[in-house]
N, C-alpha and C. Protein backbone atom coordinates (compact mmCIF):
# COMPACT_ATOMS: atom_id res chain seq x y z
N UNK A 1 116.70 65.08 217.16
CA UNK A 1 115.54 64.45 216.92
C UNK A 1 114.48 65.48 216.64
N UNK A 2 114.49 66.46 217.50
CA UNK A 2 113.38 67.67 217.33
C UNK A 2 113.48 68.33 215.85
N UNK A 3 114.78 68.56 215.73
CA UNK A 3 115.10 69.25 214.39
C UNK A 3 114.65 68.59 213.21
N UNK A 4 114.59 67.16 212.92
CA UNK A 4 114.49 66.30 212.20
C UNK A 4 112.70 66.40 212.05
N UNK A 5 112.14 66.22 213.20
CA UNK A 5 110.69 66.38 212.99
C UNK A 5 109.96 67.48 212.76
N UNK A 6 110.78 68.54 212.96
CA UNK A 6 110.15 69.92 212.80
C UNK A 6 110.54 70.10 211.09
N UNK A 7 111.77 69.57 210.91
CA UNK A 7 111.91 69.72 209.23
C UNK A 7 110.74 69.01 208.53
N UNK A 8 110.52 67.95 209.04
CA UNK A 8 109.90 67.01 208.32
C UNK A 8 108.17 67.54 208.21
N UNK A 9 107.85 68.12 209.24
CA UNK A 9 106.56 68.89 209.51
C UNK A 9 106.31 69.87 208.50
N UNK A 10 107.47 70.79 208.59
CA UNK A 10 107.43 71.79 207.40
C UNK A 10 107.31 71.01 206.30
N UNK A 11 108.10 70.17 205.88
CA UNK A 11 107.94 69.74 204.16
C UNK A 11 106.57 69.27 204.01
N UNK A 12 106.13 68.66 205.24
CA UNK A 12 104.78 68.04 204.85
C UNK A 12 103.66 68.93 204.80
N UNK A 13 104.01 70.53 205.72
CA UNK A 13 102.91 71.24 205.40
C UNK A 13 103.08 72.47 204.25
N UNK A 14 104.35 72.55 203.77
CA UNK A 14 104.68 73.39 202.78
C UNK A 14 104.41 73.07 201.47
N UNK A 15 104.82 71.62 201.38
CA UNK A 15 104.75 71.22 199.71
C UNK A 15 103.31 70.96 199.39
N UNK A 16 102.27 70.84 200.27
CA UNK A 16 100.58 70.67 199.59
C UNK A 16 100.35 72.16 199.57
N UNK A 17 100.48 73.12 200.57
CA UNK A 17 100.49 74.38 200.47
C UNK A 17 101.07 75.13 199.15
N UNK A 18 102.03 74.90 198.81
CA UNK A 18 102.65 75.41 197.76
C UNK A 18 102.20 74.90 196.45
N UNK A 19 101.75 73.71 196.32
CA UNK A 19 100.73 72.99 195.20
C UNK A 19 99.74 73.80 195.31
N UNK A 20 98.90 74.01 196.16
CA UNK A 20 97.76 74.58 196.23
C UNK A 20 97.80 76.20 195.88
N UNK A 21 98.69 76.78 195.90
CA UNK A 21 98.80 78.04 195.71
C UNK A 21 99.09 78.31 194.01
N UNK A 22 100.15 77.25 193.61
CA UNK A 22 100.24 77.10 191.92
C UNK A 22 98.87 76.68 191.35
N UNK A 23 98.20 75.93 191.97
CA UNK A 23 96.84 75.56 191.48
C UNK A 23 95.94 76.80 191.28
N UNK A 24 95.94 77.27 192.34
CA UNK A 24 95.19 78.84 192.28
C UNK A 24 95.50 79.67 191.46
N UNK A 25 96.84 80.07 191.39
CA UNK A 25 97.31 81.11 190.35
C UNK A 25 97.15 80.33 189.00
N UNK A 26 97.21 79.23 188.84
CA UNK A 26 96.89 78.65 187.29
C UNK A 26 95.35 79.19 186.84
N UNK A 27 94.38 78.58 187.99
CA UNK A 27 92.73 78.68 187.79
C UNK A 27 92.73 80.27 187.33
N UNK A 28 93.41 80.97 188.27
CA UNK A 28 93.06 82.44 188.07
C UNK A 28 93.47 83.01 186.72
N UNK A 29 94.69 82.52 186.34
CA UNK A 29 95.17 82.55 184.90
C UNK A 29 94.26 82.39 183.76
N UNK A 30 94.00 81.20 183.79
CA UNK A 30 92.65 80.50 182.88
C UNK A 30 91.65 81.27 182.79
N UNK A 31 90.86 82.01 183.91
CA UNK A 31 90.10 82.66 184.03
C UNK A 31 89.99 84.12 183.24
N UNK A 32 91.30 84.64 183.62
CA UNK A 32 91.57 85.87 182.83
C UNK A 32 91.88 85.63 181.27
N UNK A 33 92.17 84.62 180.79
CA UNK A 33 92.31 84.46 179.30
C UNK A 33 91.20 84.00 179.21
N UNK A 34 89.84 83.51 179.43
CA UNK A 34 88.71 83.48 178.98
C UNK A 34 87.96 84.69 179.00
N UNK A 35 88.06 85.69 180.06
CA UNK A 35 87.27 86.95 179.97
C UNK A 35 88.26 87.71 178.61
N UNK A 36 89.15 87.83 178.48
CA UNK A 36 90.05 88.21 177.25
C UNK A 36 89.68 87.87 176.01
N UNK A 37 89.26 86.48 175.85
CA UNK A 37 88.67 85.83 174.70
C UNK A 37 87.31 86.50 174.13
N UNK A 38 86.57 86.34 175.31
CA UNK A 38 85.05 86.82 175.23
C UNK A 38 85.18 88.21 174.79
N UNK A 39 85.84 89.09 175.36
CA UNK A 39 85.92 90.71 174.85
C UNK A 39 86.36 90.62 173.41
N UNK A 40 87.23 89.84 172.97
CA UNK A 40 87.76 90.06 171.52
C UNK A 40 86.76 89.55 170.52
N UNK A 41 85.83 88.24 171.10
CA UNK A 41 84.88 87.94 170.39
C UNK A 41 83.89 88.69 169.92
N UNK A 42 83.61 89.50 170.94
CA UNK A 42 82.33 90.42 171.06
C UNK A 42 82.86 91.63 169.99
N UNK A 43 84.15 91.97 170.23
CA UNK A 43 84.79 93.09 169.39
C UNK A 43 84.65 92.81 167.98
N UNK A 44 85.21 91.37 167.59
CA UNK A 44 84.94 91.04 166.31
C UNK A 44 83.89 90.91 165.61
N UNK A 45 82.62 90.66 166.56
CA UNK A 45 81.31 90.54 165.66
C UNK A 45 80.89 92.03 165.51
N UNK A 46 81.24 92.89 166.37
CA UNK A 46 81.05 94.45 165.92
C UNK A 46 81.48 94.71 164.77
N UNK A 47 82.75 94.58 164.83
CA UNK A 47 83.67 95.06 163.47
C UNK A 47 83.03 94.15 162.38
N UNK A 48 82.88 92.91 162.42
CA UNK A 48 82.37 92.23 161.16
C UNK A 48 81.16 92.89 160.78
N UNK A 49 79.73 93.17 161.60
CA UNK A 49 79.02 93.97 161.15
C UNK A 49 78.96 95.20 160.50
N UNK A 50 79.83 96.03 161.39
CA UNK A 50 80.16 97.26 160.62
C UNK A 50 80.83 97.08 159.37
N UNK A 51 81.52 96.22 158.98
CA UNK A 51 82.37 95.82 157.62
C UNK A 51 81.11 95.31 156.53
N UNK A 52 80.48 94.59 157.00
CA UNK A 52 79.10 94.44 156.15
C UNK A 52 78.28 95.36 155.92
N UNK A 53 78.03 96.40 156.92
CA UNK A 53 77.24 97.60 156.33
C UNK A 53 78.15 98.29 155.43
N UNK A 54 79.18 98.48 155.64
CA UNK A 54 80.01 99.39 154.51
C UNK A 54 80.04 98.52 153.33
N UNK A 55 79.97 97.33 153.20
CA UNK A 55 80.31 96.75 152.04
C UNK A 55 78.52 96.54 151.51
N UNK A 56 77.54 96.75 152.19
CA UNK A 56 76.52 97.15 151.45
C UNK A 56 76.08 98.54 151.04
N UNK A 57 76.71 99.25 151.49
CA UNK A 57 76.84 100.87 151.14
C UNK A 57 77.34 100.84 150.04
N UNK A 58 78.57 100.38 149.70
CA UNK A 58 79.58 100.56 148.77
C UNK A 58 79.08 99.66 147.48
N UNK A 59 78.13 98.70 147.51
CA UNK A 59 77.58 97.97 146.65
C UNK A 59 76.26 98.53 146.08
N UNK A 60 75.59 98.98 147.22
CA UNK A 60 73.98 99.44 146.93
C UNK A 60 73.67 100.82 146.88
N UNK A 61 74.65 101.51 147.66
CA UNK A 61 74.34 103.00 147.66
C UNK A 61 73.57 103.25 148.91
N UNK A 62 73.38 102.06 149.59
CA UNK A 62 72.40 102.45 150.80
C UNK A 62 73.02 101.46 151.99
N UNK A 63 72.82 102.08 153.21
CA UNK A 63 73.09 101.20 154.21
C UNK A 63 71.99 100.27 154.28
N UNK A 64 72.33 98.97 155.03
CA UNK A 64 71.32 97.83 154.98
C UNK A 64 70.06 98.43 156.35
N UNK A 65 68.98 98.26 155.81
CA UNK A 65 67.86 98.54 156.53
C UNK A 65 67.60 97.57 157.91
N UNK A 66 68.22 96.77 157.89
CA UNK A 66 67.64 95.81 159.29
C UNK A 66 68.96 94.63 159.17
N UNK A 67 69.12 94.01 160.54
CA UNK A 67 70.32 93.14 160.69
C UNK A 67 69.76 91.97 159.70
N UNK A 68 68.51 91.40 159.62
CA UNK A 68 68.03 90.40 158.82
C UNK A 68 68.53 90.62 157.49
N UNK A 69 68.49 91.89 157.02
CA UNK A 69 69.16 92.12 155.48
C UNK A 69 70.47 91.82 155.24
N UNK A 70 71.37 92.27 156.35
CA UNK A 70 72.86 91.90 156.25
C UNK A 70 72.96 90.30 156.29
N UNK A 71 72.21 89.35 156.92
CA UNK A 71 72.25 88.20 157.29
C UNK A 71 71.99 87.56 155.85
N UNK A 72 70.65 88.05 155.33
CA UNK A 72 70.08 87.51 154.18
C UNK A 72 71.01 87.67 152.93
N UNK A 73 71.49 88.85 152.63
CA UNK A 73 71.90 89.16 151.55
C UNK A 73 73.56 89.02 151.47
N UNK A 74 74.17 89.12 152.79
CA UNK A 74 75.76 89.14 152.73
C UNK A 74 76.10 88.11 153.54
N UNK A 75 75.73 87.06 153.99
CA UNK A 75 75.96 85.82 154.72
C UNK A 75 76.42 86.15 155.86
N UNK A 76 76.18 87.08 156.72
CA UNK A 76 76.55 87.42 157.95
C UNK A 76 75.81 86.55 159.28
N UNK A 77 76.50 86.08 160.00
CA UNK A 77 76.02 84.95 160.91
C UNK A 77 76.29 85.41 162.37
N UNK A 78 75.19 85.62 163.31
CA UNK A 78 75.37 85.57 164.43
C UNK A 78 74.69 84.88 165.60
N UNK A 79 75.54 84.27 166.57
CA UNK A 79 75.21 83.17 167.43
C UNK A 79 74.22 84.04 168.54
N UNK A 80 73.08 83.96 167.80
CA UNK A 80 72.00 84.66 168.79
C UNK A 80 71.71 84.00 169.96
N UNK A 81 72.30 82.88 170.51
CA UNK A 81 72.24 82.49 172.14
C UNK A 81 73.05 82.98 172.63
N UNK A 82 74.05 83.47 172.00
CA UNK A 82 74.95 83.92 172.87
C UNK A 82 75.46 85.57 173.01
N UNK A 83 74.96 86.09 171.79
CA UNK A 83 74.78 87.59 171.69
C UNK A 83 73.61 88.05 171.33
N UNK A 84 73.50 89.47 171.78
CA UNK A 84 72.37 90.08 171.52
C UNK A 84 72.61 91.48 170.62
N UNK A 85 72.38 91.73 169.56
CA UNK A 85 72.55 92.64 168.75
C UNK A 85 71.52 93.74 168.46
N UNK A 86 71.97 94.99 168.76
CA UNK A 86 71.03 96.14 168.77
C UNK A 86 71.32 96.77 167.48
N UNK A 87 70.50 96.88 166.41
CA UNK A 87 70.83 97.44 165.18
C UNK A 87 69.88 98.29 164.73
N UNK A 88 70.36 99.79 164.93
CA UNK A 88 69.33 100.77 164.59
C UNK A 88 69.65 101.52 163.60
N UNK A 89 68.81 101.48 162.42
CA UNK A 89 68.98 102.36 161.24
C UNK A 89 68.18 103.69 161.42
N UNK A 90 69.22 104.72 161.22
CA UNK A 90 68.46 106.23 161.19
C UNK A 90 67.83 106.60 159.55
N UNK A 91 68.87 106.28 158.62
CA UNK A 91 68.51 106.80 157.30
C UNK A 91 69.46 106.17 156.38
N UNK A 92 68.95 106.04 155.05
CA UNK A 92 69.65 105.21 154.24
C UNK A 92 71.17 105.48 154.21
N UNK A 93 71.27 106.83 154.61
CA UNK A 93 72.73 107.30 154.03
C UNK A 93 73.62 107.39 155.37
N UNK A 94 73.08 107.05 156.36
CA UNK A 94 73.89 107.30 157.65
C UNK A 94 74.11 105.82 158.29
N UNK A 95 75.40 105.60 158.80
CA UNK A 95 75.79 104.23 159.58
C UNK A 95 74.90 103.86 160.56
N UNK A 96 74.43 102.65 160.62
CA UNK A 96 73.67 102.40 161.51
C UNK A 96 74.21 102.03 163.00
N UNK A 97 73.56 102.32 164.09
CA UNK A 97 73.89 102.22 165.43
C UNK A 97 74.10 100.95 165.50
N UNK A 98 75.20 100.06 165.95
CA UNK A 98 75.34 98.64 166.02
C UNK A 98 75.87 98.80 167.52
N UNK A 99 75.17 97.94 168.47
CA UNK A 99 75.85 97.57 169.57
C UNK A 99 75.61 96.03 169.74
N UNK A 100 76.69 95.49 170.24
CA UNK A 100 76.69 93.84 170.70
C UNK A 100 76.76 93.57 171.83
N UNK A 101 75.69 92.87 172.86
CA UNK A 101 76.13 92.48 174.02
C UNK A 101 76.32 90.93 174.09
N UNK A 102 76.97 90.72 174.81
CA UNK A 102 76.98 89.12 175.56
C UNK A 102 75.99 88.61 176.21
N UNK A 103 74.95 87.78 175.96
CA UNK A 103 74.10 87.16 176.95
C UNK A 103 74.82 86.54 178.04
N UNK A 104 74.31 86.82 179.21
CA UNK A 104 74.47 86.19 180.22
C UNK A 104 74.07 84.74 180.52
N UNK A 105 74.76 83.70 180.76
CA UNK A 105 74.01 82.10 180.89
C UNK A 105 73.97 81.94 182.15
């Protein structure tokens, strides 16, 4: 009888503990995926801005003077609620310095 009650007790404790462990692992994995997606979106935005600059240089012979110029003439869109873009143009014939940061909510 003692063996049976010990077995039932272990099943009663191990099953919920295992379920909680699986749920924690799942939550951790989802959090890791979200962080990876965020970093990829940041990289893609920066790459898109650089390609827009190169397209402007190829078409007009000068790099765009401002980020607003890129938005207005080349249709680039930036989710300004989510990202901050630092765009610094040095000269018409030098690639601007572009830094994209994700806003902390």
